[in-house]
N, C-alpha and C. Protein backbone atom coordinates (compact mmCIF):
# COMPACT_ATOMS: atom_id res chain seq x y z
N MET A 1 302.80 121.55 52.67
CA MET A 1 303.08 120.76 51.54
C MET A 1 302.25 121.22 50.36
N MET A 2 302.88 121.23 49.32
CA MET A 2 302.26 121.73 48.13
C MET A 2 301.76 120.56 47.27
N ARG A 3 300.60 120.76 46.84
CA ARG A 3 300.02 119.71 46.01
C ARG A 3 300.06 120.11 44.54
N THR A 4 300.49 119.22 43.71
CA THR A 4 300.50 119.51 42.27
C THR A 4 299.48 118.59 41.59
N THR A 5 298.81 119.16 40.70
CA THR A 5 297.86 118.34 39.94
C THR A 5 298.48 118.03 38.57
N ARG A 6 298.27 116.87 38.21
CA ARG A 6 298.84 116.43 36.94
C ARG A 6 297.74 116.31 35.89
N ARG A 7 297.95 116.89 34.75
CA ARG A 7 296.98 116.81 33.66
C ARG A 7 297.31 115.61 32.78
N ALA A 8 296.28 114.98 32.30
CA ALA A 8 296.50 113.84 31.41
C ALA A 8 296.90 114.35 30.03
N THR A 9 298.01 113.90 29.59
CA THR A 9 298.48 114.32 28.27
C THR A 9 298.23 113.27 27.21
N ASP A 10 297.89 112.12 27.63
CA ASP A 10 297.65 111.06 26.66
C ASP A 10 296.15 110.85 26.45
N GLU A 11 295.49 111.91 25.97
CA GLU A 11 294.06 111.84 25.74
C GLU A 11 293.78 110.88 24.59
N SER A 12 292.77 110.06 24.74
CA SER A 12 292.40 109.13 23.67
C SER A 12 291.12 109.63 23.01
N GLY A 13 290.87 109.15 21.74
CA GLY A 13 289.68 109.55 21.01
C GLY A 13 290.03 110.48 19.86
N PHE A 14 288.98 110.99 19.21
CA PHE A 14 289.16 111.86 18.07
C PHE A 14 288.68 113.26 18.41
N SER A 15 289.34 114.21 17.82
CA SER A 15 288.86 115.58 17.98
C SER A 15 287.74 115.80 16.96
N LEU A 16 287.01 116.85 17.11
CA LEU A 16 285.91 117.17 16.21
C LEU A 16 286.43 117.40 14.79
N VAL A 17 287.57 118.02 14.65
CA VAL A 17 288.14 118.29 13.33
C VAL A 17 288.51 116.97 12.64
N GLU A 18 289.12 116.07 13.36
CA GLU A 18 289.48 114.78 12.79
C GLU A 18 288.24 114.00 12.36
N LEU A 19 287.22 114.07 13.15
CA LEU A 19 285.97 113.38 12.83
C LEU A 19 285.34 113.96 11.55
N MET A 20 285.35 115.27 11.42
CA MET A 20 284.77 115.93 10.23
C MET A 20 285.57 115.57 8.97
N VAL A 21 286.89 115.53 9.07
CA VAL A 21 287.73 115.17 7.92
C VAL A 21 287.44 113.72 7.51
N ALA A 22 287.36 112.82 8.47
CA ALA A 22 287.06 111.42 8.18
C ALA A 22 285.70 111.27 7.53
N MET A 23 284.70 112.00 8.02
CA MET A 23 283.37 111.93 7.43
C MET A 23 283.37 112.48 6.00
N GLY A 24 284.17 113.49 5.75
CA GLY A 24 284.30 114.04 4.39
C GLY A 24 284.85 113.00 3.43
N PHE A 25 285.88 112.26 3.85
CA PHE A 25 286.44 111.20 3.01
C PHE A 25 285.42 110.09 2.75
N ILE A 26 284.70 109.72 3.76
CA ILE A 26 283.69 108.66 3.61
C ILE A 26 282.58 109.12 2.66
N ALA A 27 282.13 110.38 2.80
CA ALA A 27 281.09 110.91 1.93
C ALA A 27 281.56 110.94 0.47
N ALA A 28 282.81 111.35 0.24
CA ALA A 28 283.35 111.39 -1.12
C ALA A 28 283.39 109.97 -1.71
N GLY A 29 283.77 109.00 -0.91
CA GLY A 29 283.80 107.62 -1.38
C GLY A 29 282.43 107.10 -1.74
N ILE A 30 281.44 107.40 -0.91
CA ILE A 30 280.08 106.93 -1.17
C ILE A 30 279.52 107.60 -2.43
N LEU A 31 279.77 108.89 -2.61
CA LEU A 31 279.29 109.58 -3.81
C LEU A 31 279.95 109.01 -5.07
N SER A 32 281.23 108.67 -4.98
CA SER A 32 281.93 108.07 -6.13
C SER A 32 281.32 106.72 -6.48
N LEU A 33 281.02 105.93 -5.49
CA LEU A 33 280.40 104.62 -5.74
C LEU A 33 279.01 104.79 -6.35
N GLY A 34 278.28 105.80 -5.91
CA GLY A 34 276.96 106.06 -6.47
C GLY A 34 277.04 106.41 -7.95
N GLN A 35 278.01 107.25 -8.30
CA GLN A 35 278.19 107.63 -9.70
C GLN A 35 278.63 106.42 -10.53
N LEU A 36 279.47 105.59 -9.97
CA LEU A 36 279.91 104.38 -10.65
C LEU A 36 278.71 103.46 -10.93
N PHE A 37 277.81 103.35 -9.98
CA PHE A 37 276.63 102.52 -10.15
C PHE A 37 275.75 103.06 -11.29
N VAL A 38 275.53 104.37 -11.31
CA VAL A 38 274.70 104.98 -12.36
C VAL A 38 275.32 104.73 -13.74
N MET A 39 276.63 104.90 -13.86
CA MET A 39 277.31 104.68 -15.14
C MET A 39 277.23 103.21 -15.57
N SER A 40 277.33 102.30 -14.62
CA SER A 40 277.27 100.88 -14.98
C SER A 40 275.88 100.51 -15.48
N VAL A 41 274.84 101.10 -14.92
CA VAL A 41 273.48 100.84 -15.40
C VAL A 41 273.31 101.36 -16.82
N LYS A 42 273.84 102.55 -17.12
CA LYS A 42 273.75 103.11 -18.47
C LYS A 42 274.50 102.24 -19.47
N HIS A 43 275.69 101.78 -19.12
CA HIS A 43 276.47 100.94 -20.03
C HIS A 43 275.80 99.58 -20.22
N ALA A 44 275.16 99.07 -19.21
CA ALA A 44 274.44 97.80 -19.35
C ALA A 44 273.29 97.95 -20.34
N ASP A 45 272.62 99.10 -20.35
CA ASP A 45 271.54 99.34 -21.29
C ASP A 45 272.07 99.40 -22.72
N VAL A 46 273.22 100.06 -22.92
CA VAL A 46 273.82 100.12 -24.25
C VAL A 46 274.19 98.71 -24.71
N GLY A 47 274.76 97.92 -23.83
CA GLY A 47 275.12 96.55 -24.17
C GLY A 47 273.90 95.71 -24.49
N ARG A 48 272.81 95.93 -23.78
CA ARG A 48 271.58 95.20 -24.04
C ARG A 48 271.06 95.52 -25.44
N LYS A 49 271.08 96.80 -25.80
CA LYS A 49 270.58 97.17 -27.12
C LYS A 49 271.50 96.65 -28.23
N ASP A 50 272.81 96.62 -28.00
CA ASP A 50 273.73 96.02 -28.96
C ASP A 50 273.37 94.55 -29.20
N THR A 51 273.11 93.84 -28.13
CA THR A 51 272.76 92.43 -28.22
C THR A 51 271.43 92.24 -28.94
N VAL A 52 270.45 93.07 -28.63
CA VAL A 52 269.15 92.99 -29.29
C VAL A 52 269.30 93.26 -30.79
N ALA A 53 270.09 94.27 -31.15
CA ALA A 53 270.30 94.60 -32.56
C ALA A 53 270.97 93.43 -33.29
N MET A 54 271.95 92.80 -32.65
CA MET A 54 272.62 91.65 -33.28
C MET A 54 271.64 90.49 -33.45
N ASN A 55 270.80 90.25 -32.45
CA ASN A 55 269.81 89.18 -32.56
C ASN A 55 268.78 89.46 -33.65
N LEU A 56 268.37 90.72 -33.79
CA LEU A 56 267.43 91.06 -34.85
C LEU A 56 268.06 90.88 -36.23
N ALA A 57 269.33 91.25 -36.36
CA ALA A 57 270.03 91.04 -37.63
C ALA A 57 270.13 89.55 -37.94
N SER A 58 270.45 88.75 -36.94
CA SER A 58 270.53 87.30 -37.14
C SER A 58 269.18 86.71 -37.52
N GLU A 59 268.13 87.25 -36.93
CA GLU A 59 266.78 86.76 -37.22
C GLU A 59 266.43 86.94 -38.69
N ILE A 60 266.68 88.13 -39.25
CA ILE A 60 266.31 88.36 -40.65
C ILE A 60 267.24 87.58 -41.58
N ILE A 61 268.49 87.40 -41.18
CA ILE A 61 269.42 86.60 -42.00
C ILE A 61 268.95 85.15 -42.06
N GLU A 62 268.51 84.61 -40.95
CA GLU A 62 268.01 83.23 -40.93
C GLU A 62 266.75 83.08 -41.78
N ARG A 63 265.91 84.09 -41.77
CA ARG A 63 264.71 84.05 -42.63
C ARG A 63 265.12 84.03 -44.10
N MET A 64 266.14 84.82 -44.43
CA MET A 64 266.59 84.84 -45.82
C MET A 64 267.19 83.50 -46.22
N ARG A 65 267.95 82.91 -45.33
CA ARG A 65 268.60 81.62 -45.63
C ARG A 65 267.58 80.50 -45.79
N SER A 66 266.40 80.66 -45.21
CA SER A 66 265.38 79.62 -45.34
C SER A 66 264.68 79.67 -46.70
N GLU A 67 264.94 80.72 -47.46
CA GLU A 67 264.34 80.87 -48.79
C GLU A 67 265.30 80.35 -49.87
N LYS A 68 264.74 80.06 -51.03
CA LYS A 68 265.59 79.72 -52.17
C LYS A 68 266.36 80.97 -52.57
N TYR A 69 267.54 80.77 -53.11
CA TYR A 69 268.42 81.88 -53.46
C TYR A 69 267.72 82.90 -54.36
N ASP A 70 267.09 82.42 -55.42
CA ASP A 70 266.48 83.33 -56.39
C ASP A 70 265.34 84.15 -55.79
N THR A 71 264.55 83.56 -54.89
CA THR A 71 263.46 84.32 -54.27
C THR A 71 263.98 85.19 -53.13
N MET A 72 265.08 84.78 -52.51
CA MET A 72 265.65 85.56 -51.40
C MET A 72 266.04 86.96 -51.87
N VAL A 73 266.76 87.01 -52.98
CA VAL A 73 267.24 88.30 -53.47
C VAL A 73 266.06 89.21 -53.81
N GLY A 74 265.07 88.70 -54.51
CA GLY A 74 263.93 89.53 -54.89
C GLY A 74 263.04 89.92 -53.73
N THR A 75 262.94 89.06 -52.73
CA THR A 75 262.02 89.31 -51.61
C THR A 75 262.62 90.22 -50.56
N PHE A 76 263.89 90.02 -50.22
CA PHE A 76 264.46 90.71 -49.06
C PHE A 76 265.34 91.91 -49.39
N ASP A 77 265.67 92.13 -50.66
CA ASP A 77 266.54 93.26 -50.99
C ASP A 77 265.83 94.58 -50.76
N ASN A 78 266.54 95.53 -50.22
CA ASN A 78 266.06 96.90 -49.99
C ASN A 78 264.93 97.00 -48.97
N ILE A 79 264.91 96.12 -47.99
CA ILE A 79 263.95 96.27 -46.89
C ILE A 79 264.41 97.45 -46.04
N ASP A 80 263.47 98.29 -45.68
CA ASP A 80 263.72 99.41 -44.77
C ASP A 80 262.51 99.52 -43.85
N THR A 81 262.73 99.34 -42.56
CA THR A 81 261.59 99.34 -41.63
C THR A 81 260.89 100.68 -41.54
N ARG A 82 261.51 101.73 -42.04
CA ARG A 82 260.84 103.04 -42.05
C ARG A 82 259.97 103.23 -43.29
N VAL A 83 260.10 102.31 -44.26
CA VAL A 83 259.30 102.38 -45.48
C VAL A 83 258.44 101.13 -45.52
N THR A 84 257.20 101.27 -45.10
CA THR A 84 256.30 100.12 -44.94
C THR A 84 256.16 99.33 -46.23
N ALA A 85 256.11 100.01 -47.38
CA ALA A 85 255.91 99.32 -48.66
C ALA A 85 257.09 98.41 -49.00
N SER A 86 258.25 98.61 -48.41
CA SER A 86 259.43 97.80 -48.73
C SER A 86 259.50 96.51 -47.90
N ILE A 87 258.58 96.33 -46.96
CA ILE A 87 258.64 95.19 -46.06
C ILE A 87 257.74 94.07 -46.58
N PRO A 88 258.33 92.92 -46.96
CA PRO A 88 257.50 91.81 -47.42
C PRO A 88 256.69 91.22 -46.27
N ALA A 89 255.62 90.53 -46.62
CA ALA A 89 254.73 89.96 -45.59
C ALA A 89 255.50 89.04 -44.64
N LYS A 90 256.48 88.32 -45.16
CA LYS A 90 257.25 87.39 -44.33
C LYS A 90 258.10 88.10 -43.28
N SER A 91 258.29 89.39 -43.42
CA SER A 91 259.18 90.13 -42.52
C SER A 91 258.48 91.21 -41.72
N ARG A 92 257.18 91.29 -41.77
CA ARG A 92 256.47 92.35 -41.05
C ARG A 92 256.63 92.23 -39.54
N ASP A 93 256.60 91.00 -39.03
CA ASP A 93 256.78 90.86 -37.58
C ASP A 93 258.21 91.23 -37.16
N TRP A 94 259.19 90.95 -38.03
CA TRP A 94 260.57 91.37 -37.75
C TRP A 94 260.66 92.89 -37.68
N ALA A 95 260.03 93.56 -38.64
CA ALA A 95 260.03 95.02 -38.65
C ALA A 95 259.38 95.58 -37.39
N SER A 96 258.33 94.93 -36.95
CA SER A 96 257.67 95.34 -35.70
C SER A 96 258.60 95.15 -34.49
N HIS A 97 259.34 94.06 -34.48
CA HIS A 97 260.30 93.81 -33.39
C HIS A 97 261.37 94.89 -33.33
N VAL A 98 261.80 95.37 -34.49
CA VAL A 98 262.85 96.41 -34.52
C VAL A 98 262.40 97.62 -33.72
N THR A 99 261.19 98.09 -33.99
CA THR A 99 260.70 99.27 -33.28
C THR A 99 260.40 98.97 -31.82
N THR A 100 259.80 97.82 -31.57
CA THR A 100 259.42 97.46 -30.20
C THR A 100 260.64 97.28 -29.31
N LEU A 101 261.65 96.59 -29.80
CA LEU A 101 262.80 96.24 -28.96
C LEU A 101 263.90 97.30 -28.92
N LEU A 102 264.06 98.05 -30.01
CA LEU A 102 265.11 99.08 -30.04
C LEU A 102 264.58 100.49 -29.80
N GLY A 103 263.27 100.66 -29.78
CA GLY A 103 262.69 101.96 -29.45
C GLY A 103 262.38 102.82 -30.66
N ASN A 104 261.73 103.94 -30.37
CA ASN A 104 261.39 104.89 -31.43
C ASN A 104 262.66 105.44 -32.05
N GLY A 105 262.59 105.67 -33.35
CA GLY A 105 263.76 106.18 -34.05
C GLY A 105 264.68 105.06 -34.52
N SER A 106 264.34 103.82 -34.22
CA SER A 106 265.18 102.71 -34.67
C SER A 106 264.85 102.35 -36.12
N ARG A 107 265.77 101.61 -36.73
CA ARG A 107 265.60 101.29 -38.13
C ARG A 107 266.36 100.00 -38.45
N GLY A 108 265.78 99.20 -39.31
CA GLY A 108 266.45 98.01 -39.81
C GLY A 108 266.44 98.04 -41.32
N ARG A 109 267.60 97.81 -41.95
CA ARG A 109 267.69 97.82 -43.41
C ARG A 109 268.41 96.57 -43.88
N VAL A 110 268.02 96.10 -45.05
CA VAL A 110 268.67 94.95 -45.68
C VAL A 110 269.07 95.37 -47.09
N ASP A 111 270.34 95.22 -47.40
CA ASP A 111 270.84 95.51 -48.74
C ASP A 111 271.53 94.25 -49.25
N ILE A 112 271.10 93.79 -50.41
CA ILE A 112 271.67 92.58 -51.01
C ILE A 112 272.36 92.96 -52.31
N THR A 113 273.62 92.58 -52.43
CA THR A 113 274.38 92.77 -53.67
C THR A 113 274.48 91.40 -54.33
N ASN A 114 273.71 91.22 -55.41
CA ASN A 114 273.73 89.94 -56.11
C ASN A 114 274.99 89.86 -56.96
N ASN A 115 275.48 88.66 -57.18
CA ASN A 115 276.71 88.42 -57.92
C ASN A 115 277.87 89.18 -57.29
N ALA A 116 277.97 89.09 -55.98
CA ALA A 116 279.02 89.81 -55.23
C ALA A 116 280.39 89.34 -55.68
N GLU A 117 281.31 90.26 -55.68
CA GLU A 117 282.70 90.01 -56.06
C GLU A 117 282.81 89.38 -57.45
N GLY A 118 281.83 89.70 -58.32
CA GLY A 118 281.87 89.21 -59.69
C GLY A 118 281.57 87.73 -59.84
N ARG A 119 281.05 87.14 -58.81
CA ARG A 119 280.75 85.70 -58.85
C ARG A 119 279.25 85.49 -58.96
N ASN A 120 278.85 84.76 -59.97
CA ASN A 120 277.44 84.44 -60.15
C ASN A 120 277.01 83.47 -59.05
N GLY A 121 275.89 83.75 -58.43
CA GLY A 121 275.39 82.86 -57.39
C GLY A 121 275.94 83.16 -56.01
N LEU A 122 276.57 84.30 -55.85
CA LEU A 122 277.06 84.72 -54.53
C LEU A 122 276.46 86.08 -54.21
N ALA A 123 275.77 86.16 -53.11
CA ALA A 123 275.13 87.42 -52.72
C ALA A 123 275.75 87.92 -51.41
N ARG A 124 276.03 89.19 -51.40
CA ARG A 124 276.49 89.84 -50.17
C ARG A 124 275.26 90.47 -49.52
N VAL A 125 275.03 90.13 -48.25
CA VAL A 125 273.87 90.63 -47.53
C VAL A 125 274.36 91.52 -46.39
N ASP A 126 273.96 92.78 -46.41
CA ASP A 126 274.28 93.72 -45.34
C ASP A 126 272.99 94.03 -44.59
N VAL A 127 273.00 93.78 -43.28
CA VAL A 127 271.87 94.14 -42.43
C VAL A 127 272.36 95.26 -41.53
N ILE A 128 271.73 96.43 -41.64
CA ILE A 128 272.15 97.61 -40.89
C ILE A 128 271.05 97.94 -39.87
N MET A 129 271.41 97.85 -38.61
CA MET A 129 270.48 98.17 -37.53
C MET A 129 270.90 99.53 -36.96
N SER A 130 269.94 100.42 -36.76
CA SER A 130 270.21 101.75 -36.20
C SER A 130 269.22 102.02 -35.09
N TRP A 131 269.69 102.69 -34.04
CA TRP A 131 268.81 103.08 -32.94
C TRP A 131 269.40 104.31 -32.26
N VAL A 132 268.57 104.99 -31.50
CA VAL A 132 268.98 106.22 -30.82
C VAL A 132 269.20 105.90 -29.35
N ASP A 133 270.35 106.34 -28.84
CA ASP A 133 270.66 106.15 -27.43
C ASP A 133 271.21 107.46 -26.88
N ARG A 134 270.46 108.08 -25.97
CA ARG A 134 270.83 109.36 -25.35
C ARG A 134 271.23 110.42 -26.38
N GLY A 135 270.42 110.50 -27.44
CA GLY A 135 270.63 111.52 -28.45
C GLY A 135 271.60 111.15 -29.56
N ASP A 136 272.32 110.05 -29.41
CA ASP A 136 273.26 109.59 -30.44
C ASP A 136 272.65 108.44 -31.22
N THR A 137 272.85 108.46 -32.54
CA THR A 137 272.40 107.35 -33.37
C THR A 137 273.53 106.32 -33.45
N LEU A 138 273.22 105.11 -33.03
CA LEU A 138 274.19 104.02 -33.06
C LEU A 138 273.84 103.07 -34.19
N ASN A 139 274.84 102.50 -34.84
CA ASN A 139 274.64 101.58 -35.95
C ASN A 139 275.39 100.28 -35.71
N LEU A 140 274.80 99.21 -36.18
CA LEU A 140 275.46 97.91 -36.15
C LEU A 140 275.22 97.28 -37.52
N THR A 141 276.30 96.97 -38.22
CA THR A 141 276.20 96.37 -39.54
C THR A 141 276.68 94.94 -39.48
N THR A 142 275.87 94.03 -39.99
CA THR A 142 276.23 92.63 -40.08
C THR A 142 276.28 92.26 -41.55
N THR A 143 277.38 91.67 -41.98
CA THR A 143 277.55 91.28 -43.38
C THR A 143 277.75 89.78 -43.46
N VAL A 144 276.99 89.14 -44.33
CA VAL A 144 277.15 87.72 -44.58
C VAL A 144 277.12 87.50 -46.10
N PHE A 145 277.68 86.39 -46.52
CA PHE A 145 277.62 86.00 -47.94
C PHE A 145 276.76 84.75 -48.03
N VAL A 146 275.86 84.74 -49.00
CA VAL A 146 274.99 83.61 -49.23
C VAL A 146 275.26 83.12 -50.64
N SER A 147 275.47 81.83 -50.77
CA SER A 147 275.75 81.28 -52.11
C SER A 147 274.60 80.42 -52.59
N LYS A 148 274.47 80.39 -53.89
CA LYS A 148 273.45 79.57 -54.54
C LYS A 148 274.02 78.16 -54.65
N MET A 149 273.27 77.21 -54.16
CA MET A 149 273.73 75.82 -54.21
C MET A 149 273.82 75.36 -55.66
N GLY A 150 274.94 74.75 -56.01
CA GLY A 150 275.13 74.23 -57.36
C GLY A 150 275.54 75.28 -58.36
N ALA A 151 275.84 76.49 -57.88
CA ALA A 151 276.23 77.57 -58.81
C ALA A 151 277.71 77.52 -59.11
């Protein structure tokens, strides 16, 4: 009698090639997620500096609004944080905040156009915040109009 041996044809499991291909896909996915994480941290920093710049602009605008119209224009016009002589005593701490919070190379400027749009007693106030982020200079301009009461 002849004996025949039967080989199992329904082998279960993964071959080495299949395992290597699967590991390659998993590695590519993990590397993509890592890059996504790095980019999200960078964008969060840009967003943080945008928010800080807006808050600094609001801060100097509120200081101007707390002054009488006639003294506001003379005191706050042409402030430039890079030109120490242009910064009034009331705004020195604001100028310090600009550099501290936005970093080296940052700048805050205030430009006031009195009698804006040909109207007496209406001032256009432009606050321009600038800072450097990864070699690029970013700017944020905030414009408000301030009117003289009773004008």
